[in-house]
Amino acid sequence: MNAILQCLCSVSPLVEYFLSGKYITALKKDCSEVTTAFAYLMTDMWLGDSDCVSPEIFLSAVGSLYPAFLKKTQQDAQEFLIYVLNELHEALKKHCRRRVNEKRTGQSCCRKVPAQETSIITRLFEGQLSYSITCLKCESCTHKNEVFTILSLPIPSDYECSLQDCLQCFFQQDTLTWSNQIYCSFCEIKQEAAVRTTISKVPKIIVFHFKRFDIQGTVKRKLRTDIHYPLTNLDLTPYICPVFRKHPMYNLCAVVLYHLQRKIKKHHIKL
């Protein structure tokens, strides 16, 4: 918990949003406990007089919804981050309708699309993956989009690799065969297919999670691979949908490390 909270408190746009009080106008009263406790905690961390701050009130608010986090046992940092981001989004979200321009012969018009739920969380952390699925029998192609806030990356090596190696492994074209075949609406039966994944919407802040466990059959193995990552100018251009014109560069904001020492498991943060 401490590691994740320190990470979130190093995200400048999120800090500014809460310290400025902007969250108050968006806050929903029926689900405000966690968000209010988070705002107070962030204020204490940045503006308080104490050298150290206790997250006890925030932990109590989270624990009332997710009792597992109240137990004095090690919990998964990624799961805690997902819960916190979800609670903040639910408390701060608002509905908005987008207008999409459509060009027709001799005129231009706008049409409304279904309402979306947006919040400071979606504006900062939400991205979108686009899947291009090609039937290997009839070569018909379909597309599917999926929203994400965290990308869980495979680790391709047992010894050492780079973040780019993990990204290449995640975005490499995959072939679905045997039990993984998908239904082709053109062939009207299940067929083998090729799936290519790209990023169709890049988030302002991208969160990576490394899959540290390798599961083969009934055997689960912990990977201790060293992963090298750049501190500045991470370029995601090779993985972005070609029609997407923006190609942002990312700088490292925070890292959560998993450390095992003397049978005591701890999460540490390195900024």
C-alpha atoms as a PDB file:
ATOM      1  CA  MET A   1       0.000   0.000   0.000  1.00  0.00           C
ATOM      2  CA  ASN A   2       2.721   2.480   0.941  1.00  0.00           C
ATOM      3  CA  ALA A   3       4.551   1.865  -2.332  1.00  0.00           C
ATOM      4  CA  ILE A   4       1.463   2.473  -4.469  1.00  0.00           C
ATOM      5  CA  LEU A   5       0.471   5.593  -2.531  1.00  0.00           C
ATOM      6  CA  GLN A   6       3.963   7.039  -2.956  1.00  0.00           C
ATOM      7  CA  CYS A   7       3.744   6.349  -6.690  1.00  0.00           C
ATOM      8  CA  LEU A   8       0.371   8.071  -7.023  1.00  0.00           C
ATOM      9  CA  CYS A   9       1.608  11.020  -4.982  1.00  0.00           C
ATOM     10  CA  SER A  10       4.428  11.520  -7.481  1.00  0.00           C
ATOM     11  CA  VAL A  11       2.016  11.954 -10.417  1.00  0.00           C
ATOM     12  CA  SER A  12       1.987  15.743 -10.787  1.00  0.00           C
ATOM     13  CA  PRO A  13      -1.376  16.194 -12.614  1.00  0.00           C
ATOM     14  CA  LEU A  14      -3.118  13.977 -10.054  1.00  0.00           C
ATOM     15  CA  VAL A  15      -1.503  15.859  -7.170  1.00  0.00           C
ATOM     16  CA  GLU A  16      -2.537  19.234  -8.630  1.00  0.00           C
ATOM     17  CA  TYR A  17      -6.115  18.017  -9.130  1.00  0.00           C
ATOM     18  CA  PHE A  18      -6.540  17.056  -5.472  1.00  0.00           C
ATOM     19  CA  LEU A  19      -4.503  19.827  -3.842  1.00  0.00           C
ATOM     20  CA  SER A  20      -6.394  22.493  -5.802  1.00  0.00           C
ATOM     21  CA  GLY A  21      -9.729  21.125  -4.573  1.00  0.00           C
ATOM     22  CA  LYS A  22     -11.027  20.425  -8.085  1.00  0.00           C
ATOM     23  CA  TYR A  23     -12.164  16.985  -6.970  1.00  0.00           C
ATOM     24  CA  ILE A  24     -14.805  18.479  -4.639  1.00  0.00           C
ATOM     25  CA  THR A  25     -17.162  19.582  -7.420  1.00  0.00           C
ATOM     26  CA  ALA A  26     -17.011  16.160  -9.104  1.00  0.00           C
ATOM     27  CA  LEU A  27     -17.248  14.077  -5.928  1.00  0.00           C
ATOM     28  CA  LYS A  28     -20.310  11.850  -5.558  1.00  0.00           C
ATOM     29  CA  LYS A  29     -21.595  11.770  -1.993  1.00  0.00           C
ATOM     30  CA  ASP A  30     -22.678   8.118  -2.088  1.00  0.00           C
ATOM     31  CA  CYS A  31     -19.143   6.827  -2.763  1.00  0.00           C
ATOM     32  CA  SER A  32     -16.881   9.557  -1.415  1.00  0.00           C
ATOM     33  CA  GLU A  33     -15.207   7.948   1.618  1.00  0.00           C
ATOM     34  CA  VAL A  34     -12.138   6.513  -0.129  1.00  0.00           C
ATOM     35  CA  THR A  35     -11.659   9.547  -2.367  1.00  0.00           C
ATOM     36  CA  THR A  36     -11.989  12.020   0.498  1.00  0.00           C
ATOM     37  CA  ALA A  37      -9.500  10.027   2.578  1.00  0.00           C
ATOM     38  CA  PHE A  38      -7.146   9.927  -0.409  1.00  0.00           C
ATOM     39  CA  ALA A  39      -7.408  13.712  -0.838  1.00  0.00           C
ATOM     40  CA  TYR A  40      -6.646  14.316   2.850  1.00  0.00           C
ATOM     41  CA  LEU A  41      -3.706  11.913   2.699  1.00  0.00           C
ATOM     42  CA  MET A  42      -2.277  13.621  -0.364  1.00  0.00           C
ATOM     43  CA  THR A  43      -2.661  17.017   1.306  1.00  0.00           C
ATOM     44  CA  ASP A  44      -0.836  15.764   4.400  1.00  0.00           C
ATOM     45  CA  MET A  45       1.971  14.275   2.311  1.00  0.00           C
ATOM     46  CA  TRP A  46       2.564  17.431   0.293  1.00  0.00           C
ATOM     47  CA  LEU A  47       1.508  20.269   2.593  1.00  0.00           C
ATOM     48  CA  GLY A  48       1.625  18.787   6.091  1.00  0.00           C
ATOM     49  CA  ASP A  49       4.165  19.730   8.752  1.00  0.00           C
ATOM     50  CA  SER A  50       5.070  16.165   9.769  1.00  0.00           C
ATOM     51  CA  ASP A  51       8.081  14.328   8.400  1.00  0.00           C
ATOM     52  CA  CYS A  52       6.024  11.164   8.059  1.00  0.00           C
ATOM     53  CA  VAL A  53       2.325  10.561   7.417  1.00  0.00           C
ATOM     54  CA  SER A  54       0.162   7.623   8.491  1.00  0.00           C
ATOM     55  CA  PRO A  55      -2.314   6.303   5.876  1.00  0.00           C
ATOM     56  CA  GLU A  56      -4.449   4.720   8.622  1.00  0.00           C
ATOM     57  CA  ILE A  57      -7.673   6.576   7.734  1.00  0.00           C
ATOM     58  CA  PHE A  58      -7.254   5.804   4.039  1.00  0.00           C
ATOM     59  CA  LEU A  59      -6.548   2.140   4.793  1.00  0.00           C
ATOM     60  CA  SER A  60      -9.681   1.957   6.938  1.00  0.00           C
ATOM     61  CA  ALA A  61     -11.779   3.438   4.113  1.00  0.00           C
ATOM     62  CA  VAL A  62     -10.382   0.980   1.566  1.00  0.00           C
ATOM     63  CA  GLY A  63     -10.686  -1.907   4.019  1.00  0.00           C
ATOM     64  CA  SER A  64     -14.386  -1.234   4.551  1.00  0.00           C
ATOM     65  CA  LEU A  65     -14.897  -2.081   0.868  1.00  0.00           C
ATOM     66  CA  TYR A  66     -12.109  -4.635   0.444  1.00  0.00           C
ATOM     67  CA  PRO A  67     -11.555  -6.377   3.819  1.00  0.00           C
ATOM     68  CA  ALA A  68      -8.578  -8.366   2.495  1.00  0.00           C
ATOM     69  CA  PHE A  69      -6.455  -5.216   2.706  1.00  0.00           C
ATOM     70  CA  LEU A  70      -7.099  -4.908   6.450  1.00  0.00           C
ATOM     71  CA  LYS A  71      -5.389  -8.214   7.153  1.00  0.00           C
ATOM     72  CA  LYS A  72      -1.794  -8.036   8.311  1.00  0.00           C
ATOM     73  CA  THR A  73      -0.624 -10.134   5.373  1.00  0.00           C
ATOM     74  CA  GLN A  74       1.196  -9.299   2.165  1.00  0.00           C
ATOM     75  CA  GLN A  75      -1.116  -8.122  -0.629  1.00  0.00           C
ATOM     76  CA  ASP A  76      -0.457  -7.656  -4.323  1.00  0.00           C
ATOM     77  CA  ALA A  77       0.563  -4.093  -5.225  1.00  0.00           C
ATOM     78  CA  GLN A  78      -1.007  -4.261  -8.682  1.00  0.00           C
ATOM     79  CA  GLU A  79      -4.367  -5.361  -7.262  1.00  0.00           C
ATOM     80  CA  PHE A  80      -4.272  -2.538  -4.722  1.00  0.00           C
ATOM     81  CA  LEU A  81      -3.546  -0.008  -7.478  1.00  0.00           C
ATOM     82  CA  ILE A  82      -6.482  -1.321  -9.536  1.00  0.00           C
ATOM     83  CA  TYR A  83      -8.837  -1.031  -6.555  1.00  0.00           C
ATOM     84  CA  VAL A  84      -7.706   2.515  -5.738  1.00  0.00           C
ATOM     85  CA  LEU A  85      -7.964   3.773  -9.326  1.00  0.00           C
ATOM     86  CA  ASN A  86     -11.396   2.170  -9.679  1.00  0.00           C
ATOM     87  CA  GLU A  87     -12.697   3.752  -6.472  1.00  0.00           C
ATOM     88  CA  LEU A  88     -11.374   7.188  -7.435  1.00  0.00           C
ATOM     89  CA  HIS A  89     -12.931   6.883 -10.888  1.00  0.00           C
ATOM     90  CA  GLU A  90     -16.332   5.779  -9.553  1.00  0.00           C
ATOM     91  CA  ALA A  91     -16.437   8.687  -7.114  1.00  0.00           C
ATOM     92  CA  LEU A  92     -15.333  11.338  -9.626  1.00  0.00           C
ATOM     93  CA  LYS A  93     -16.805  10.171 -12.941  1.00  0.00           C
ATOM     94  CA  LYS A  94     -19.233  12.168 -15.004  1.00  0.00           C
ATOM     95  CA  HIS A  95     -21.173  11.369 -18.149  1.00  0.00           C
ATOM     96  CA  CYS A  96     -20.388  13.178 -21.361  1.00  0.00           C
ATOM     97  CA  ARG A  97     -21.470  12.791 -24.957  1.00  0.00           C
ATOM     98  CA  ARG A  98     -18.959  13.086 -27.736  1.00  0.00           C
ATOM     99  CA  ARG A  99     -19.768  14.431 -31.165  1.00  0.00           C
ATOM    100  CA  VAL A 100     -18.209  12.711 -34.137  1.00  0.00           C
ATOM    101  CA  ASN A 101     -17.833  14.564 -37.416  1.00  0.00           C
ATOM    102  CA  GLU A 102     -19.067  12.658 -40.457  1.00  0.00           C
ATOM    103  CA  LYS A 103     -18.329  13.785 -43.982  1.00  0.00           C
ATOM    104  CA  ARG A 104     -21.035  13.228 -46.569  1.00  0.00           C
ATOM    105  CA  THR A 105     -21.377  14.307 -50.160  1.00  0.00           C
ATOM    106  CA  GLY A 106     -21.562  18.086 -50.214  1.00  0.00           C
ATOM    107  CA  GLN A 107     -21.963  18.464 -46.467  1.00  0.00           C
ATOM    108  CA  SER A 108     -20.523  17.793 -43.060  1.00  0.00           C
ATOM    109  CA  CYS A 109     -22.542  16.755 -40.059  1.00  0.00           C
ATOM    110  CA  CYS A 110     -22.109  15.713 -36.456  1.00  0.00           C
ATOM    111  CA  ARG A 111     -23.645  12.743 -34.729  1.00  0.00           C
ATOM    112  CA  LYS A 112     -23.789  11.871 -31.061  1.00  0.00           C
ATOM    113  CA  VAL A 113     -22.249   8.667 -29.799  1.00  0.00           C
ATOM    114  CA  PRO A 114     -23.173   6.855 -26.540  1.00  0.00           C
ATOM    115  CA  ALA A 115     -22.257   8.645 -23.334  1.00  0.00           C
ATOM    116  CA  GLN A 116     -18.889   7.911 -21.780  1.00  0.00           C
ATOM    117  CA  GLU A 117     -17.889   8.037 -18.146  1.00  0.00           C
ATOM    118  CA  THR A 118     -14.836  10.238 -17.691  1.00  0.00           C
ATOM    119  CA  SER A 119     -12.828  11.271 -14.657  1.00  0.00           C
ATOM    120  CA  ILE A 120      -9.354  12.498 -13.783  1.00  0.00           C
ATOM    121  CA  ILE A 121      -8.382   8.805 -13.693  1.00  0.00           C
ATOM    122  CA  THR A 122      -9.492   8.070 -17.262  1.00  0.00           C
ATOM    123  CA  ARG A 123      -7.990  11.329 -18.511  1.00  0.00           C
ATOM    124  CA  LEU A 124      -4.587  10.417 -17.083  1.00  0.00           C
ATOM    125  CA  PHE A 125      -4.344   6.626 -17.100  1.00  0.00           C
ATOM    126  CA  GLU A 126      -6.769   5.279 -19.695  1.00  0.00           C
ATOM    127  CA  GLY A 127      -5.544   3.982 -23.045  1.00  0.00           C
ATOM    128  CA  GLN A 128      -7.029   1.754 -25.703  1.00  0.00           C
ATOM    129  CA  LEU A 129      -5.786  -1.354 -27.480  1.00  0.00           C
ATOM    130  CA  SER A 130      -6.959  -2.267 -30.960  1.00  0.00           C
ATOM    131  CA  TYR A 131      -7.062  -5.917 -32.037  1.00  0.00           C
ATOM    132  CA  SER A 132      -7.000  -6.746 -35.745  1.00  0.00           C
ATOM    133  CA  ILE A 133      -8.265 -10.331 -36.156  1.00  0.00           C
ATOM    134  CA  THR A 134      -7.729 -12.023 -39.528  1.00  0.00           C
ATOM    135  CA  CYS A 135      -9.335 -15.361 -40.383  1.00  0.00           C
ATOM    136  CA  LEU A 136      -6.634 -17.594 -41.875  1.00  0.00           C
ATOM    137  CA  LYS A 137      -9.226 -19.372 -44.041  1.00  0.00           C
ATOM    138  CA  CYS A 138     -11.189 -16.591 -45.756  1.00  0.00           C
ATOM    139  CA  GLU A 139      -8.801 -13.724 -44.822  1.00  0.00           C
ATOM    140  CA  SER A 140     -11.663 -11.566 -43.568  1.00  0.00           C
ATOM    141  CA  CYS A 141     -10.596  -9.017 -40.963  1.00  0.00           C
ATOM    142  CA  THR A 142     -12.479  -7.779 -37.921  1.00  0.00           C
ATOM    143  CA  HIS A 143     -11.494  -5.228 -35.300  1.00  0.00           C
ATOM    144  CA  LYS A 144     -12.021  -5.050 -31.565  1.00  0.00           C
ATOM    145  CA  ASN A 145     -11.111  -2.321 -29.089  1.00  0.00           C
ATOM    146  CA  GLU A 146     -10.315  -2.725 -25.409  1.00  0.00           C
ATOM    147  CA  VAL A 147      -9.733  -0.031 -22.790  1.00  0.00           C
ATOM    148  CA  PHE A 148      -6.826  -0.445 -20.375  1.00  0.00           C
ATOM    149  CA  THR A 149      -5.274   1.345 -17.417  1.00  0.00           C
ATOM    150  CA  ILE A 150      -2.467  -1.168 -16.818  1.00  0.00           C
ATOM    151  CA  LEU A 151      -0.552  -3.202 -19.406  1.00  0.00           C
ATOM    152  CA  SER A 152       0.550  -6.591 -18.053  1.00  0.00           C
ATOM    153  CA  LEU A 153       3.682  -7.530 -19.972  1.00  0.00           C
ATOM    154  CA  PRO A 154       5.210 -11.001 -20.371  1.00  0.00           C
ATOM    155  CA  ILE A 155       8.881 -11.511 -19.527  1.00  0.00           C
ATOM    156  CA  PRO A 156      10.599 -13.229 -22.484  1.00  0.00           C
ATOM    157  CA  SER A 157      13.840 -14.235 -20.753  1.00  0.00           C
ATOM    158  CA  ASP A 158      14.891 -16.074 -17.589  1.00  0.00           C
ATOM    159  CA  TYR A 159      18.047 -14.008 -17.034  1.00  0.00           C
ATOM    160  CA  GLU A 160      17.756 -10.423 -18.209  1.00  0.00           C
ATOM    161  CA  CYS A 161      15.843  -8.406 -20.768  1.00  0.00           C
ATOM    162  CA  SER A 162      14.756  -4.849 -21.507  1.00  0.00           C
ATOM    163  CA  LEU A 163      11.378  -3.164 -21.306  1.00  0.00           C
ATOM    164  CA  GLN A 164      11.406  -3.030 -25.109  1.00  0.00           C
ATOM    165  CA  ASP A 165      11.856  -6.831 -25.192  1.00  0.00           C
ATOM    166  CA  CYS A 166       8.746  -7.198 -23.033  1.00  0.00           C
ATOM    167  CA  LEU A 167       6.793  -4.780 -25.231  1.00  0.00           C
ATOM    168  CA  GLN A 168       7.834  -6.595 -28.404  1.00  0.00           C
ATOM    169  CA  CYS A 169       6.694  -9.882 -26.888  1.00  0.00           C
ATOM    170  CA  PHE A 170       3.329  -8.388 -25.890  1.00  0.00           C
ATOM    171  CA  PHE A 171       2.646  -6.783 -29.273  1.00  0.00           C
ATOM    172  CA  GLN A 172       3.950  -9.552 -31.532  1.00  0.00           C
ATOM    173  CA  GLN A 173       1.392 -11.116 -33.858  1.00  0.00           C
ATOM    174  CA  ASP A 174      -0.282 -14.149 -32.328  1.00  0.00           C
ATOM    175  CA  THR A 175      -1.899 -17.131 -34.060  1.00  0.00           C
ATOM    176  CA  LEU A 176      -4.991 -18.705 -32.507  1.00  0.00           C
ATOM    177  CA  THR A 177      -5.170 -22.445 -33.191  1.00  0.00           C
ATOM    178  CA  TRP A 178      -6.827 -25.589 -31.843  1.00  0.00           C
ATOM    179  CA  SER A 179      -8.877 -24.784 -28.729  1.00  0.00           C
ATOM    180  CA  ASN A 180      -8.187 -21.058 -29.153  1.00  0.00           C
ATOM    181  CA  GLN A 181      -9.854 -20.802 -32.558  1.00  0.00           C
ATOM    182  CA  ILE A 182     -12.415 -18.018 -32.909  1.00  0.00           C
ATOM    183  CA  TYR A 183     -15.778 -17.940 -34.636  1.00  0.00           C
ATOM    184  CA  CYS A 184     -15.642 -16.381 -38.110  1.00  0.00           C
ATOM    185  CA  SER A 185     -18.942 -14.754 -39.072  1.00  0.00           C
ATOM    186  CA  PHE A 186     -18.074 -15.137 -42.762  1.00  0.00           C
ATOM    187  CA  CYS A 187     -17.148 -18.833 -42.625  1.00  0.00           C
ATOM    188  CA  GLU A 188     -19.817 -19.390 -39.935  1.00  0.00           C
ATOM    189  CA  ILE A 189     -17.552 -21.812 -38.056  1.00  0.00           C
ATOM    190  CA  LYS A 190     -14.542 -21.574 -35.779  1.00  0.00           C
ATOM    191  CA  GLN A 191     -11.314 -20.955 -37.664  1.00  0.00           C
ATOM    192  CA  GLU A 192      -7.664 -20.325 -36.958  1.00  0.00           C
ATOM    193  CA  ALA A 193      -6.879 -16.623 -36.863  1.00  0.00           C
ATOM    194  CA  ALA A 194      -3.993 -14.172 -36.676  1.00  0.00           C
ATOM    195  CA  VAL A 195      -4.273 -11.396 -34.094  1.00  0.00           C
ATOM    196  CA  ARG A 196      -2.279  -8.180 -34.218  1.00  0.00           C
ATOM    197  CA  THR A 197      -2.403  -5.749 -31.308  1.00  0.00           C
ATOM    198  CA  THR A 198      -1.685  -2.017 -31.483  1.00  0.00           C
ATOM    199  CA  ILE A 199      -2.307   1.006 -29.274  1.00  0.00           C
ATOM    200  CA  SER A 200      -5.097   3.132 -30.723  1.00  0.00           C
ATOM    201  CA  LYS A 201      -5.197   5.606 -27.838  1.00  0.00           C
ATOM    202  CA  VAL A 202      -2.137   6.366 -25.730  1.00  0.00           C
ATOM    203  CA  PRO A 203      -2.625   7.386 -22.091  1.00  0.00           C
ATOM    204  CA  LYS A 204      -0.889  10.420 -20.667  1.00  0.00           C
ATOM    205  CA  ILE A 205       0.558   8.165 -17.971  1.00  0.00           C
ATOM    206  CA  ILE A 206       1.164   4.517 -18.832  1.00  0.00           C
ATOM    207  CA  VAL A 207       1.465   1.832 -16.163  1.00  0.00           C
ATOM    208  CA  PHE A 208       3.317  -1.423 -16.841  1.00  0.00           C
ATOM    209  CA  HIS A 209       2.984  -4.583 -14.783  1.00  0.00           C
ATOM    210  CA  PHE A 210       5.405  -7.444 -15.338  1.00  0.00           C
ATOM    211  CA  LYS A 211       4.091 -10.998 -15.186  1.00  0.00           C
ATOM    212  CA  ARG A 212       6.536 -12.417 -12.687  1.00  0.00           C
ATOM    213  CA  PHE A 213       5.045 -15.915 -12.658  1.00  0.00           C
ATOM    214  CA  ASP A 214       5.454 -18.467 -15.441  1.00  0.00           C
ATOM    215  CA  ILE A 215       2.689 -21.083 -15.480  1.00  0.00           C
ATOM    216  CA  GLN A 216       3.246 -24.290 -17.423  1.00  0.00           C
ATOM    217  CA  GLY A 217       0.491 -26.810 -16.854  1.00  0.00           C
ATOM    218  CA  THR A 218       0.161 -27.225 -13.098  1.00  0.00           C
ATOM    219  CA  VAL A 219       3.611 -25.799 -12.370  1.00  0.00           C
ATOM    220  CA  LYS A 220       3.895 -22.155 -11.252  1.00  0.00           C
ATOM    221  CA  ARG A 221       7.378 -20.665 -11.305  1.00  0.00           C
ATOM    222  CA  LYS A 222       8.556 -17.266 -10.023  1.00  0.00           C
ATOM    223  CA  LEU A 223      10.717 -15.377 -12.530  1.00  0.00           C
ATOM    224  CA  ARG A 224      13.675 -13.429 -11.169  1.00  0.00           C
ATOM    225  CA  THR A 225      14.645 -11.808 -14.457  1.00  0.00           C
ATOM    226  CA  ASP A 226      16.486  -8.484 -14.364  1.00  0.00           C
ATOM    227  CA  ILE A 227      14.583  -5.965 -16.493  1.00  0.00           C
ATOM    228  CA  HIS A 228      16.338  -2.875 -17.835  1.00  0.00           C
ATOM    229  CA  TYR A 229      14.244   0.208 -18.537  1.00  0.00           C
ATOM    230  CA  PRO A 230      15.005   3.744 -19.750  1.00  0.00           C
ATOM    231  CA  LEU A 231      14.680   6.695 -17.402  1.00  0.00           C
ATOM    232  CA  THR A 232      13.669   9.049 -20.218  1.00  0.00           C
ATOM    233  CA  ASN A 233      12.316   9.033 -23.771  1.00  0.00           C
ATOM    234  CA  LEU A 234      10.519   5.692 -23.897  1.00  0.00           C
ATOM    235  CA  ASP A 235       9.251   5.531 -27.479  1.00  0.00           C
ATOM    236  CA  LEU A 236       6.066   3.531 -28.115  1.00  0.00           C
ATOM    237  CA  THR A 237       5.829   4.471 -31.802  1.00  0.00           C
ATOM    238  CA  PRO A 238       6.390   0.879 -33.085  1.00  0.00           C
ATOM    239  CA  TYR A 239       3.295  -0.284 -31.191  1.00  0.00           C
ATOM    240  CA  ILE A 240       0.928   2.567 -32.025  1.00  0.00           C
ATOM    241  CA  CYS A 241      -1.790   2.215 -34.665  1.00  0.00           C
ATOM    242  CA  PRO A 242      -0.438   3.712 -37.939  1.00  0.00           C
ATOM    243  CA  VAL A 243      -3.388   6.103 -38.325  1.00  0.00           C
ATOM    244  CA  PHE A 244      -2.667   7.580 -34.898  1.00  0.00           C
ATOM    245  CA  ARG A 245      -0.609  10.715 -35.504  1.00  0.00           C
ATOM    246  CA  LYS A 246       0.642  11.449 -32.007  1.00  0.00           C
ATOM    247  CA  HIS A 247       3.780   9.657 -30.868  1.00  0.00           C
ATOM    248  CA  PRO A 248       4.490  10.730 -27.280  1.00  0.00           C
ATOM    249  CA  MET A 249       7.707  10.007 -25.417  1.00  0.00           C
ATOM    250  CA  TYR A 250       7.494   8.812 -21.820  1.00  0.00           C
ATOM    251  CA  ASN A 251       9.763   9.569 -18.868  1.00  0.00           C
ATOM    252  CA  LEU A 252       9.942   7.320 -15.824  1.00  0.00           C
ATOM    253  CA  CYS A 253       7.848   8.521 -12.891  1.00  0.00           C
ATOM    254  CA  ALA A 254       8.003   5.703 -10.326  1.00  0.00           C
ATOM    255  CA  VAL A 255       8.863   2.028  -9.857  1.00  0.00           C
ATOM    256  CA  VAL A 256       7.450  -0.505  -7.407  1.00  0.00           C
ATOM    257  CA  LEU A 257       9.931  -3.252  -6.565  1.00  0.00           C
ATOM    258  CA  TYR A 258       9.130  -6.605  -4.993  1.00  0.00           C
ATOM    259  CA  HIS A 259      11.727  -7.620  -2.438  1.00  0.00           C
ATOM    260  CA  LEU A 260      12.092 -10.865  -0.507  1.00  0.00           C
ATOM    261  CA  GLN A 261      14.381 -10.925   2.515  1.00  0.00           C
ATOM    262  CA  ARG A 262      14.447 -13.331   5.465  1.00  0.00           C
ATOM    263  CA  LYS A 263      11.050 -14.741   4.551  1.00  0.00           C
ATOM    264  CA  ILE A 264       9.500 -11.291   4.869  1.00  0.00           C
ATOM    265  CA  LYS A 265       7.908 -10.033   1.678  1.00  0.00           C
ATOM    266  CA  LYS A 266       7.909  -6.298   1.123  1.00  0.00           C
ATOM    267  CA  HIS A 267       7.050  -3.859  -1.603  1.00  0.00           C
ATOM    268  CA  HIS A 268       9.429  -0.947  -1.972  1.00  0.00           C
ATOM    269  CA  ILE A 269       9.270   2.141  -4.121  1.00  0.00           C
ATOM    270  CA  LYS A 270      12.132   3.625  -6.064  1.00  0.00           C
ATOM    271  CA  LEU A 271      11.551   7.081  -7.524  1.00  0.00           C
END
